[in-house]
Amino acid sequence: PDLSRRPAYFSLLFPPLCGGWSNRTEGAIYHLGSTILFLGYMGGSGAYGCLFIFGFLSPAFLCLALWGRLTLCGADVFTWNLLLLLACLLQIYHLLYRLHREGVRGEELAALYQAVYLPLGVPVHVFKEISHAFGDRVVELRAGETYAVEGKTPIDQLSFLLSGRINVSLEGQFLHYIHRHQFLDSPEWESLRPNEEGKFQVTLTAEEDSRFVSWRRRRLYMLISKQRYVARLFSVMLGYDIAEKLYNLNNKLYIKSGVLLDIRLPSLYHVLAPSSQGTSPAPSDGTSPAPPDSRNSRGNTTALINSEEFFFLGFC
């Protein structure tokens, strides 16, 4: 057939076949660019996957642009690869900007999110609202400094320990420690209603250099009243924190016979509370009364119950 009578687009759709393969290679730059291009398309999905892809495509198109300029000497090949390189660089800039805007700022806050909130499945934007409620500010407490003094410090905030250790005492008597990633004043928070005021019944002292974040009471109540998810999140975290403090105190409670008593028993306070006469009645079998140190032990245990840990009983 006469090929000259065929329309012009026919040669575009059905180009003529090659007469034979060329023995000439395109050089190292071309093969390097093709290899990087092949590796680039192995990236995954999501923002980090796209960052991986465009991070590999950029040097690949750079190599191909150099190949088109130095080896092939083709203006069209050089121009198209240069435009693709610029497009990849713009995509990388956009992805980095988005990750910076949506990410958690600050090393300590990022560590807090990774250790506490990420295992609970909390999205980043929810954590940013929670951190915005405490002003994205971390407070430092030196060793020996007090966070709260019994009977003096008002309960007007909720704090979460990021690092260090806090000593909890009542009238100079050690109760327990507060370790990292625990609330400092969860019992006080649960003991008061939003419209009530109160003061600490224990003293909290930094055993070592510590850092924590604090939510103002009013501001946090406004946040949890607006967002039900945040309210449930704090309910779970506070409940777990109070349970941890309960178990820490469980080994400190003894009845006067020396038997270990479980703090979770509902009648615990009635067993430990002092009698109205101030002394226990004499045994009916004629045995001698309990020694004085046993009575002091019961008084110390009652002091523990009357402290912040007494609020735990109502929670359970």
C-alpha atoms as a PDB file:
ATOM      1  CA  PRO A   1       0.000   0.000   0.000  1.00  0.00           C
ATOM      2  CA  ASP A   2       0.982   3.588  -0.546  1.00  0.00           C
ATOM      3  CA  LEU A   3       2.201   4.920   2.802  1.00  0.00           C
ATOM      4  CA  SER A   4       2.147   8.511   1.606  1.00  0.00           C
ATOM      5  CA  ARG A   5      -1.672   8.501   1.529  1.00  0.00           C
ATOM      6  CA  ARG A   6      -2.013   7.602   5.189  1.00  0.00           C
ATOM      7  CA  PRO A   7      -3.013  10.420   7.606  1.00  0.00           C
ATOM      8  CA  ALA A   8      -0.300  12.206   9.598  1.00  0.00           C
ATOM      9  CA  TYR A   9      -1.442  10.888  12.972  1.00  0.00           C
ATOM     10  CA  PHE A  10      -0.928   7.298  11.799  1.00  0.00           C
ATOM     11  CA  SER A  11       2.834   7.597  12.213  1.00  0.00           C
ATOM     12  CA  LEU A  12       2.319   8.859  15.745  1.00  0.00           C
ATOM     13  CA  LEU A  13       0.081   5.957  16.735  1.00  0.00           C
ATOM     14  CA  PHE A  14       2.073   3.328  14.881  1.00  0.00           C
ATOM     15  CA  PRO A  15       5.679   4.441  14.649  1.00  0.00           C
ATOM     16  CA  PRO A  16       8.022   2.418  12.440  1.00  0.00           C
ATOM     17  CA  LEU A  17       9.888  -0.416  14.140  1.00  0.00           C
ATOM     18  CA  CYS A  18      13.582  -0.195  14.850  1.00  0.00           C
ATOM     19  CA  GLY A  19      15.773  -1.748  12.231  1.00  0.00           C
ATOM     20  CA  GLY A  20      18.071  -3.151  14.938  1.00  0.00           C
ATOM     21  CA  TRP A  21      19.319  -2.573  18.479  1.00  0.00           C
ATOM     22  CA  SER A  22      22.158  -0.121  18.864  1.00  0.00           C
ATOM     23  CA  ASN A  23      25.373  -1.229  20.540  1.00  0.00           C
ATOM     24  CA  ARG A  24      25.882   2.252  21.977  1.00  0.00           C
ATOM     25  CA  THR A  25      25.183   2.736  25.730  1.00  0.00           C
ATOM     26  CA  GLU A  26      23.920   5.995  27.230  1.00  0.00           C
ATOM     27  CA  GLY A  27      26.580   6.351  29.913  1.00  0.00           C
ATOM     28  CA  ALA A  28      26.763   6.138  33.696  1.00  0.00           C
ATOM     29  CA  ILE A  29      24.638   9.236  34.435  1.00  0.00           C
ATOM     30  CA  TYR A  30      21.628   7.824  32.587  1.00  0.00           C
ATOM     31  CA  HIS A  31      21.836   4.448  34.310  1.00  0.00           C
ATOM     32  CA  LEU A  32      22.336   6.070  37.715  1.00  0.00           C
ATOM     33  CA  GLY A  33      19.237   8.217  37.214  1.00  0.00           C
ATOM     34  CA  SER A  34      17.187   5.226  36.082  1.00  0.00           C
ATOM     35  CA  THR A  35      18.299   3.194  39.115  1.00  0.00           C
ATOM     36  CA  ILE A  36      17.331   5.963  41.537  1.00  0.00           C
ATOM     37  CA  LEU A  37      14.025   6.370  39.692  1.00  0.00           C
ATOM     38  CA  PHE A  38      13.342   2.652  40.132  1.00  0.00           C
ATOM     39  CA  LEU A  39      14.113   2.814  43.866  1.00  0.00           C
ATOM     40  CA  GLY A  40      11.949   5.901  44.303  1.00  0.00           C
ATOM     41  CA  TYR A  41       8.778   4.141  43.249  1.00  0.00           C
ATOM     42  CA  MET A  42       9.192   1.626  46.060  1.00  0.00           C
ATOM     43  CA  GLY A  43       7.926   4.144  48.624  1.00  0.00           C
ATOM     44  CA  GLY A  44       4.768   3.622  50.633  1.00  0.00           C
ATOM     45  CA  SER A  45       1.668   5.693  51.222  1.00  0.00           C
ATOM     46  CA  GLY A  46       1.067   8.592  53.547  1.00  0.00           C
ATOM     47  CA  ALA A  47       3.088  11.735  54.061  1.00  0.00           C
ATOM     48  CA  TYR A  48       6.323   9.923  54.887  1.00  0.00           C
ATOM     49  CA  GLY A  49       5.865   7.551  51.954  1.00  0.00           C
ATOM     50  CA  CYS A  50       5.427  10.491  49.586  1.00  0.00           C
ATOM     51  CA  LEU A  51       8.458  12.144  51.110  1.00  0.00           C
ATOM     52  CA  PHE A  52      10.448   8.986  50.377  1.00  0.00           C
ATOM     53  CA  ILE A  53       9.233   8.882  46.760  1.00  0.00           C
ATOM     54  CA  PHE A  54       9.905  12.516  45.923  1.00  0.00           C
ATOM     55  CA  GLY A  55      13.195  12.357  47.807  1.00  0.00           C
ATOM     56  CA  PHE A  56      14.390   9.709  45.347  1.00  0.00           C
ATOM     57  CA  LEU A  57      12.752  11.198  42.266  1.00  0.00           C
ATOM     58  CA  SER A  58      14.585  14.502  42.700  1.00  0.00           C
ATOM     59  CA  PRO A  59      18.137  13.141  42.231  1.00  0.00           C
ATOM     60  CA  ALA A  60      16.832  10.791  39.527  1.00  0.00           C
ATOM     61  CA  PHE A  61      15.473  13.657  37.419  1.00  0.00           C
ATOM     62  CA  LEU A  62      18.636  15.621  38.119  1.00  0.00           C
ATOM     63  CA  CYS A  63      20.726  12.812  36.637  1.00  0.00           C
ATOM     64  CA  LEU A  64      18.421  12.543  33.633  1.00  0.00           C
ATOM     65  CA  ALA A  65      18.583  16.318  33.067  1.00  0.00           C
ATOM     66  CA  LEU A  66      22.393  16.161  33.109  1.00  0.00           C
ATOM     67  CA  TRP A  67      22.261  13.227  30.732  1.00  0.00           C
ATOM     68  CA  GLY A  68      20.058  15.150  28.320  1.00  0.00           C
ATOM     69  CA  ARG A  69      22.333  18.201  28.496  1.00  0.00           C
ATOM     70  CA  LEU A  70      25.802  16.601  28.462  1.00  0.00           C
ATOM     71  CA  THR A  71      25.357  13.310  26.587  1.00  0.00           C
ATOM     72  CA  LEU A  72      22.250  13.529  24.427  1.00  0.00           C
ATOM     73  CA  CYS A  73      22.507  17.296  23.861  1.00  0.00           C
ATOM     74  CA  GLY A  74      18.730  17.472  23.574  1.00  0.00           C
ATOM     75  CA  ALA A  75      17.042  20.653  24.729  1.00  0.00           C
ATOM     76  CA  ASP A  76      13.646  18.969  25.099  1.00  0.00           C
ATOM     77  CA  VAL A  77      15.002  16.106  27.241  1.00  0.00           C
ATOM     78  CA  PHE A  78      16.918  18.544  29.437  1.00  0.00           C
ATOM     79  CA  THR A  79      13.942  20.898  29.840  1.00  0.00           C
ATOM     80  CA  TRP A  80      11.391  18.239  30.751  1.00  0.00           C
ATOM     81  CA  ASN A  81      13.616  16.580  33.329  1.00  0.00           C
ATOM     82  CA  LEU A  82      14.458  19.960  34.811  1.00  0.00           C
ATOM     83  CA  LEU A  83      10.743  20.767  35.168  1.00  0.00           C
ATOM     84  CA  LEU A  84      10.119  17.386  36.812  1.00  0.00           C
ATOM     85  CA  LEU A  85      12.987  18.078  39.202  1.00  0.00           C
ATOM     86  CA  LEU A  86      11.465  21.420  40.210  1.00  0.00           C
ATOM     87  CA  ALA A  87       8.051  19.788  40.710  1.00  0.00           C
ATOM     88  CA  CYS A  88       9.584  17.179  43.048  1.00  0.00           C
ATOM     89  CA  LEU A  89      11.374  19.848  45.061  1.00  0.00           C
ATOM     90  CA  LEU A  90       8.115  21.778  45.472  1.00  0.00           C
ATOM     91  CA  GLN A  91       6.362  18.615  46.645  1.00  0.00           C
ATOM     92  CA  ILE A  92       9.114  17.966  49.207  1.00  0.00           C
ATOM     93  CA  TYR A  93       8.797  21.525  50.527  1.00  0.00           C
ATOM     94  CA  HIS A  94       5.013  21.169  50.795  1.00  0.00           C
ATOM     95  CA  LEU A  95       5.288  17.845  52.652  1.00  0.00           C
ATOM     96  CA  LEU A  96       7.856  19.184  55.116  1.00  0.00           C
ATOM     97  CA  TYR A  97       5.700  22.245  55.772  1.00  0.00           C
ATOM     98  CA  ARG A  98       2.632  20.092  56.391  1.00  0.00           C
ATOM     99  CA  LEU A  99       4.494  17.747  58.729  1.00  0.00           C
ATOM    100  CA  HIS A 100       5.881  20.710  60.638  1.00  0.00           C
ATOM    101  CA  ARG A 101       2.465  22.310  60.957  1.00  0.00           C
ATOM    102  CA  GLU A 102       0.645  19.109  61.937  1.00  0.00           C
ATOM    103  CA  GLY A 103       3.434  17.643  64.070  1.00  0.00           C
ATOM    104  CA  VAL A 104       4.123  18.059  67.780  1.00  0.00           C
ATOM    105  CA  ARG A 105       6.510  20.895  68.520  1.00  0.00           C
ATOM    106  CA  GLY A 106       9.126  20.522  71.220  1.00  0.00           C
ATOM    107  CA  GLU A 107      11.234  17.516  72.108  1.00  0.00           C
ATOM    108  CA  GLU A 108       9.599  16.918  75.481  1.00  0.00           C
ATOM    109  CA  LEU A 109       6.063  17.236  74.131  1.00  0.00           C
ATOM    110  CA  ALA A 110       6.896  14.899  71.252  1.00  0.00           C
ATOM    111  CA  ALA A 111       8.288  12.368  73.735  1.00  0.00           C
ATOM    112  CA  LEU A 112       5.131  12.748  75.859  1.00  0.00           C
ATOM    113  CA  TYR A 113       2.925  12.063  72.849  1.00  0.00           C
ATOM    114  CA  GLN A 114       4.963   9.022  71.791  1.00  0.00           C
ATOM    115  CA  ALA A 115       5.063   7.506  75.294  1.00  0.00           C
ATOM    116  CA  VAL A 116       1.562   8.263  76.636  1.00  0.00           C
ATOM    117  CA  TYR A 117      -0.944   9.467  74.066  1.00  0.00           C
ATOM    118  CA  LEU A 118       0.087   7.554  70.945  1.00  0.00           C
ATOM    119  CA  PRO A 119      -0.418   4.104  72.610  1.00  0.00           C
ATOM    120  CA  LEU A 120      -3.943   5.248  73.489  1.00  0.00           C
ATOM    121  CA  GLY A 121      -4.627   6.065  69.834  1.00  0.00           C
ATOM    122  CA  VAL A 122      -4.963   9.813  70.379  1.00  0.00           C
ATOM    123  CA  PRO A 123      -4.697  11.755  67.091  1.00  0.00           C
ATOM    124  CA  VAL A 124      -2.055  14.446  66.804  1.00  0.00           C
ATOM    125  CA  HIS A 125      -4.582  17.273  66.418  1.00  0.00           C
ATOM    126  CA  VAL A 126      -6.328  16.229  69.668  1.00  0.00           C
ATOM    127  CA  PHE A 127      -3.016  16.157  71.514  1.00  0.00           C
ATOM    128  CA  LYS A 128      -2.224  19.625  70.166  1.00  0.00           C
ATOM    129  CA  GLU A 129      -5.493  20.910  71.646  1.00  0.00           C
ATOM    130  CA  ILE A 130      -4.628  19.297  74.974  1.00  0.00           C
ATOM    131  CA  SER A 131      -1.126  20.765  74.939  1.00  0.00           C
ATOM    132  CA  HIS A 132      -2.518  24.141  73.915  1.00  0.00           C
ATOM    133  CA  ALA A 133      -4.646  24.042  77.074  1.00  0.00           C
ATOM    134  CA  PHE A 134      -1.472  24.126  79.202  1.00  0.00           C
ATOM    135  CA  GLY A 135       0.136  26.667  76.894  1.00  0.00           C
ATOM    136  CA  ASP A 136       2.726  24.235  75.457  1.00  0.00           C
ATOM    137  CA  ARG A 137       4.818  25.157  78.509  1.00  0.00           C
ATOM    138  CA  VAL A 138       6.904  22.826  80.654  1.00  0.00           C
ATOM    139  CA  VAL A 139       7.524  23.811  84.293  1.00  0.00           C
ATOM    140  CA  GLU A 140      10.714  22.846  86.128  1.00  0.00           C
ATOM    141  CA  LEU A 141      10.858  21.928  89.806  1.00  0.00           C
ATOM    142  CA  ARG A 142      14.271  21.742  91.469  1.00  0.00           C
ATOM    143  CA  ALA A 143      15.178  19.041  94.003  1.00  0.00           C
ATOM    144  CA  GLY A 144      13.906  20.016  97.448  1.00  0.00           C
ATOM    145  CA  GLU A 145      11.306  22.481  96.150  1.00  0.00           C
ATOM    146  CA  THR A 146       7.662  21.906  97.060  1.00  0.00           C
ATOM    147  CA  TYR A 147       4.830  21.651  94.587  1.00  0.00           C
ATOM    148  CA  ALA A 148       2.133  21.789  97.273  1.00  0.00           C
ATOM    149  CA  VAL A 149       1.988  22.234 101.047  1.00  0.00           C
ATOM    150  CA  GLU A 150      -0.713  20.515 103.086  1.00  0.00           C
ATOM    151  CA  GLY A 151      -3.419  22.860 104.280  1.00  0.00           C
ATOM    152  CA  LYS A 152      -2.034  25.854 102.377  1.00  0.00           C
ATOM    153  CA  THR A 153      -1.805  25.268  98.616  1.00  0.00           C
ATOM    154  CA  PRO A 154      -5.168  25.631  96.824  1.00  0.00           C
ATOM    155  CA  ILE A 155      -6.304  22.985  94.352  1.00  0.00           C
ATOM    156  CA  ASP A 156      -6.486  25.068  91.185  1.00  0.00           C
ATOM    157  CA  GLN A 157      -4.645  22.971  88.590  1.00  0.00           C
ATOM    158  CA  LEU A 158      -3.899  19.459  87.345  1.00  0.00           C
ATOM    159  CA  SER A 159      -0.267  18.512  86.672  1.00  0.00           C
ATOM    160  CA  PHE A 160       1.408  15.642  84.837  1.00  0.00           C
ATOM    161  CA  LEU A 161       5.002  14.660  85.606  1.00  0.00           C
ATOM    162  CA  LEU A 162       7.307  14.379  82.592  1.00  0.00           C
ATOM    163  CA  SER A 163      10.554  13.533  84.381  1.00  0.00           C
ATOM    164  CA  GLY A 164      11.908  13.235  87.907  1.00  0.00           C
ATOM    165  CA  ARG A 165      10.298  11.958  91.108  1.00  0.00           C
ATOM    166  CA  ILE A 166       7.986  13.583  93.674  1.00  0.00           C
ATOM    167  CA  ASN A 167       7.775  12.676  97.366  1.00  0.00           C
ATOM    168  CA  VAL A 168       4.275  12.671  98.908  1.00  0.00           C
ATOM    169  CA  SER A 169       4.144  13.085 102.689  1.00  0.00           C
ATOM    170  CA  LEU A 170       1.635  13.852 105.421  1.00  0.00           C
ATOM    171  CA  GLU A 171       2.813  15.646 108.569  1.00  0.00           C
ATOM    172  CA  GLY A 172       6.357  14.626 107.739  1.00  0.00           C
ATOM    173  CA  GLN A 173       5.457  10.971 107.220  1.00  0.00           C
ATOM    174  CA  PHE A 174       6.281   9.465 103.820  1.00  0.00           C
ATOM    175  CA  LEU A 175       3.313   8.101 101.879  1.00  0.00           C
ATOM    176  CA  HIS A 176       4.495   7.219  98.370  1.00  0.00           C
ATOM    177  CA  TYR A 177       6.388   8.448  95.323  1.00  0.00           C
ATOM    178  CA  ILE A 178       5.040   9.963  92.134  1.00  0.00           C
ATOM    179  CA  HIS A 179       7.054   8.822  89.128  1.00  0.00           C
ATOM    180  CA  ARG A 180       7.296  10.085  85.541  1.00  0.00           C
ATOM    181  CA  HIS A 181       4.166   9.951  83.413  1.00  0.00           C
ATOM    182  CA  GLN A 182       1.910  10.127  86.469  1.00  0.00           C
ATOM    183  CA  PHE A 183      -0.428  12.874  87.640  1.00  0.00           C
ATOM    184  CA  LEU A 184       0.706  14.891  90.632  1.00  0.00           C
ATOM    185  CA  ASP A 185      -2.738  15.736  91.961  1.00  0.00           C
ATOM    186  CA  SER A 186      -5.243  13.286  90.478  1.00  0.00           C
ATOM    187  CA  PRO A 187      -6.896  12.521  93.881  1.00  0.00           C
ATOM    188  CA  GLU A 188      -7.436  16.226  94.552  1.00  0.00           C
ATOM    189  CA  TRP A 189      -8.868  16.680  91.062  1.00  0.00           C
ATOM    190  CA  GLU A 190     -11.374  13.873  91.535  1.00  0.00           C
ATOM    191  CA  SER A 191     -12.290  14.972  95.058  1.00  0.00           C
ATOM    192  CA  LEU A 192     -13.703  18.355  94.015  1.00  0.00           C
ATOM    193  CA  ARG A 193     -16.534  19.336  91.761  1.00  0.00           C
ATOM    194  CA  PRO A 194     -15.990  22.053  89.159  1.00  0.00           C
ATOM    195  CA  ASN A 195     -17.585  24.714  91.350  1.00  0.00           C
ATOM    196  CA  GLU A 196     -15.860  23.633  94.592  1.00  0.00           C
ATOM    197  CA  GLU A 197     -12.612  24.818  96.121  1.00  0.00           C
ATOM    198  CA  GLY A 198     -10.186  23.044  98.385  1.00  0.00           C
ATOM    199  CA  LYS A 199      -6.615  22.753  99.586  1.00  0.00           C
ATOM    200  CA  PHE A 200      -4.047  20.007  99.500  1.00  0.00           C
ATOM    201  CA  GLN A 201      -4.063  17.610 102.452  1.00  0.00           C
ATOM    202  CA  VAL A 202      -0.545  16.357 101.667  1.00  0.00           C
ATOM    203  CA  THR A 203       2.829  17.882 100.857  1.00  0.00           C
ATOM    204  CA  LEU A 204       4.466  17.216  97.500  1.00  0.00           C
ATOM    205  CA  THR A 205       8.232  17.736  97.371  1.00  0.00           C
ATOM    206  CA  ALA A 206      10.616  17.144  94.475  1.00  0.00           C
ATOM    207  CA  GLU A 207      12.941  14.266  95.328  1.00  0.00           C
ATOM    208  CA  GLU A 208      15.079  15.189  92.294  1.00  0.00           C
ATOM    209  CA  ASP A 209      15.015  17.734  89.492  1.00  0.00           C
ATOM    210  CA  SER A 210      11.608  17.302  87.872  1.00  0.00           C
ATOM    211  CA  ARG A 211       9.640  18.745  84.957  1.00  0.00           C
ATOM    212  CA  PHE A 212       5.876  18.753  84.538  1.00  0.00           C
ATOM    213  CA  VAL A 213       3.008  20.332  82.646  1.00  0.00           C
ATOM    214  CA  SER A 214      -0.025  21.925  84.315  1.00  0.00           C
ATOM    215  CA  TRP A 215      -3.567  22.601  83.205  1.00  0.00           C
ATOM    216  CA  ARG A 216      -5.422  25.392  84.949  1.00  0.00           C
ATOM    217  CA  ARG A 217      -8.606  24.024  86.473  1.00  0.00           C
ATOM    218  CA  ARG A 218     -11.015  26.364  84.741  1.00  0.00           C
ATOM    219  CA  ARG A 219      -9.365  26.066  81.343  1.00  0.00           C
ATOM    220  CA  LEU A 220      -9.275  22.267  81.442  1.00  0.00           C
ATOM    221  CA  TYR A 221     -12.917  22.059  82.506  1.00  0.00           C
ATOM    222  CA  MET A 222     -13.839  24.232  79.538  1.00  0.00           C
ATOM    223  CA  LEU A 223     -11.945  21.906  77.193  1.00  0.00           C
ATOM    224  CA  ILE A 224     -13.475  18.674  78.482  1.00  0.00           C
ATOM    225  CA  SER A 225     -16.945  20.212  78.541  1.00  0.00           C
ATOM    226  CA  LYS A 226     -16.675  21.043  74.835  1.00  0.00           C
ATOM    227  CA  GLN A 227     -15.046  17.824  73.643  1.00  0.00           C
ATOM    228  CA  ARG A 228     -16.454  14.521  74.792  1.00  0.00           C
ATOM    229  CA  TYR A 229     -13.458  12.581  73.480  1.00  0.00           C
ATOM    230  CA  VAL A 230     -11.052  14.594  75.621  1.00  0.00           C
ATOM    231  CA  ALA A 231     -13.313  14.118  78.656  1.00  0.00           C
ATOM    232  CA  ARG A 232     -13.258  10.338  78.217  1.00  0.00           C
ATOM    233  CA  LEU A 233      -9.513  10.395  77.667  1.00  0.00           C
ATOM    234  CA  PHE A 234      -8.848  12.230  80.933  1.00  0.00           C
ATOM    235  CA  SER A 235     -11.304   9.976  82.741  1.00  0.00           C
ATOM    236  CA  VAL A 236      -9.344   6.905  81.648  1.00  0.00           C
ATOM    237  CA  MET A 237      -5.963   8.435  82.438  1.00  0.00           C
ATOM    238  CA  LEU A 238      -7.025   9.722  85.858  1.00  0.00           C
ATOM    239  CA  GLY A 239      -8.654   6.424  86.764  1.00  0.00           C
ATOM    240  CA  TYR A 240      -5.523   4.495  85.837  1.00  0.00           C
ATOM    241  CA  ASP A 241      -3.343   6.935  87.755  1.00  0.00           C
ATOM    242  CA  ILE A 242      -5.462   6.685  90.893  1.00  0.00           C
ATOM    243  CA  ALA A 243      -5.433   2.889  90.660  1.00  0.00           C
ATOM    244  CA  GLU A 244      -1.636   2.971  90.503  1.00  0.00           C
ATOM    245  CA  LYS A 245      -1.510   5.070  93.669  1.00  0.00           C
ATOM    246  CA  LEU A 246      -3.928   2.674  95.348  1.00  0.00           C
ATOM    247  CA  TYR A 247      -1.673  -0.284  94.697  1.00  0.00           C
ATOM    248  CA  ASN A 248       1.330   1.677  95.956  1.00  0.00           C
ATOM    249  CA  LEU A 249      -0.482   2.236  99.253  1.00  0.00           C
ATOM    250  CA  ASN A 250      -1.814  -1.297  99.538  1.00  0.00           C
ATOM    251  CA  ASN A 251       1.337  -2.597 101.239  1.00  0.00           C
ATOM    252  CA  LYS A 252       1.266   0.196 103.853  1.00  0.00           C
ATOM    253  CA  LEU A 253      -2.060  -0.655 105.489  1.00  0.00           C
ATOM    254  CA  TYR A 254      -2.174  -3.104 108.383  1.00  0.00           C
ATOM    255  CA  ILE A 255      -4.770  -3.848 110.992  1.00  0.00           C
ATOM    256  CA  LYS A 256      -3.600  -4.061 114.605  1.00  0.00           C
ATOM    257  CA  SER A 257      -3.141  -7.839 114.427  1.00  0.00           C
ATOM    258  CA  GLY A 258      -0.448  -7.328 111.775  1.00  0.00           C
ATOM    259  CA  VAL A 259      -2.406  -8.864 108.877  1.00  0.00           C
ATOM    260  CA  LEU A 260      -2.060  -7.147 105.501  1.00  0.00           C
ATOM    261  CA  LEU A 261      -5.343  -5.505 104.578  1.00  0.00           C
ATOM    262  CA  ASP A 262      -6.427  -4.820 101.014  1.00  0.00           C
ATOM    263  CA  ILE A 263      -7.250  -1.144 100.506  1.00  0.00           C
ATOM    264  CA  ARG A 264      -9.961  -2.050  98.000  1.00  0.00           C
ATOM    265  CA  LEU A 265     -12.186  -3.569 100.711  1.00  0.00           C
ATOM    266  CA  PRO A 266     -15.298  -1.367 101.115  1.00  0.00           C
ATOM    267  CA  SER A 267     -15.258  -1.580 104.939  1.00  0.00           C
ATOM    268  CA  LEU A 268     -11.609  -0.567 105.263  1.00  0.00           C
ATOM    269  CA  TYR A 269     -12.168   2.877 106.715  1.00  0.00           C
ATOM    270  CA  HIS A 270     -14.522   1.569 109.399  1.00  0.00           C
ATOM    271  CA  VAL A 271     -11.927  -1.018 110.418  1.00  0.00           C
ATOM    272  CA  LEU A 272      -9.099   1.501 110.600  1.00  0.00           C
ATOM    273  CA  ALA A 273     -11.003   4.418 112.084  1.00  0.00           C
ATOM    274  CA  PRO A 274     -10.296   5.039 115.803  1.00  0.00           C
ATOM    275  CA  SER A 275     -13.026   4.176 118.283  1.00  0.00           C
ATOM    276  CA  SER A 276     -14.997   6.911 119.980  1.00  0.00           C
ATOM    277  CA  GLN A 277     -13.460   6.069 123.379  1.00  0.00           C
ATOM    278  CA  GLY A 278      -9.931   6.474 121.992  1.00  0.00           C
ATOM    279  CA  THR A 279      -8.868   3.039 123.331  1.00  0.00           C
ATOM    280  CA  SER A 280      -9.834  -0.468 122.374  1.00  0.00           C
ATOM    281  CA  PRO A 281     -11.723  -2.613 124.904  1.00  0.00           C
ATOM    282  CA  ALA A 282      -9.870  -5.303 126.802  1.00  0.00           C
ATOM    283  CA  PRO A 283     -10.075  -8.792 125.312  1.00  0.00           C
ATOM    284  CA  SER A 284     -12.571 -11.133 126.878  1.00  0.00           C
ATOM    285  CA  ASP A 285     -10.165 -14.044 127.074  1.00  0.00           C
ATOM    286  CA  GLY A 286      -7.943 -12.345 129.647  1.00  0.00           C
ATOM    287  CA  THR A 287      -5.000 -11.717 127.383  1.00  0.00           C
ATOM    288  CA  SER A 288      -2.995  -8.530 127.671  1.00  0.00           C
ATOM    289  CA  PRO A 289      -4.018  -5.528 125.537  1.00  0.00           C
ATOM    290  CA  ALA A 290      -2.184  -4.565 122.355  1.00  0.00           C
ATOM    291  CA  PRO A 291       1.220  -2.887 122.841  1.00  0.00           C
ATOM    292  CA  PRO A 292       1.547   0.880 122.413  1.00  0.00           C
ATOM    293  CA  ASP A 293       3.394   0.694 119.065  1.00  0.00           C
ATOM    294  CA  SER A 294       0.482  -1.241 117.571  1.00  0.00           C
ATOM    295  CA  ARG A 295      -1.839   1.626 118.518  1.00  0.00           C
ATOM    296  CA  ASN A 296       0.537   4.113 116.928  1.00  0.00           C
ATOM    297  CA  SER A 297       0.572   2.025 113.781  1.00  0.00           C
ATOM    298  CA  ARG A 298      -3.208   2.190 113.656  1.00  0.00           C
ATOM    299  CA  GLY A 299      -3.081   5.968 114.120  1.00  0.00           C
ATOM    300  CA  ASN A 300      -0.583   6.331 111.301  1.00  0.00           C
ATOM    301  CA  THR A 301      -2.751   4.216 109.051  1.00  0.00           C
ATOM    302  CA  THR A 302      -5.787   6.322 109.888  1.00  0.00           C
ATOM    303  CA  ALA A 303      -3.781   9.415 108.984  1.00  0.00           C
ATOM    304  CA  LEU A 304      -3.098   7.871 105.608  1.00  0.00           C
ATOM    305  CA  ILE A 305      -6.773   7.287 105.039  1.00  0.00           C
ATOM    306  CA  ASN A 306      -7.630  10.852 106.062  1.00  0.00           C
ATOM    307  CA  SER A 307      -5.089  12.183 103.569  1.00  0.00           C
ATOM    308  CA  GLU A 308      -5.443  12.405  99.817  1.00  0.00           C
ATOM    309  CA  GLU A 309      -5.694   8.630  99.502  1.00  0.00           C
ATOM    310  CA  PHE A 310      -9.073   8.640 101.253  1.00  0.00           C
ATOM    311  CA  PHE A 311     -10.463  10.116  98.055  1.00  0.00           C
ATOM    312  CA  PHE A 312      -9.476   6.907  96.285  1.00  0.00           C
ATOM    313  CA  LEU A 313     -12.072   4.942  98.218  1.00  0.00           C
ATOM    314  CA  GLY A 314     -14.865   7.063  96.842  1.00  0.00           C
ATOM    315  CA  PHE A 315     -13.459   6.668  93.348  1.00  0.00           C
ATOM    316  CA  CYS A 316     -13.380   2.900  93.548  1.00  0.00           C
END
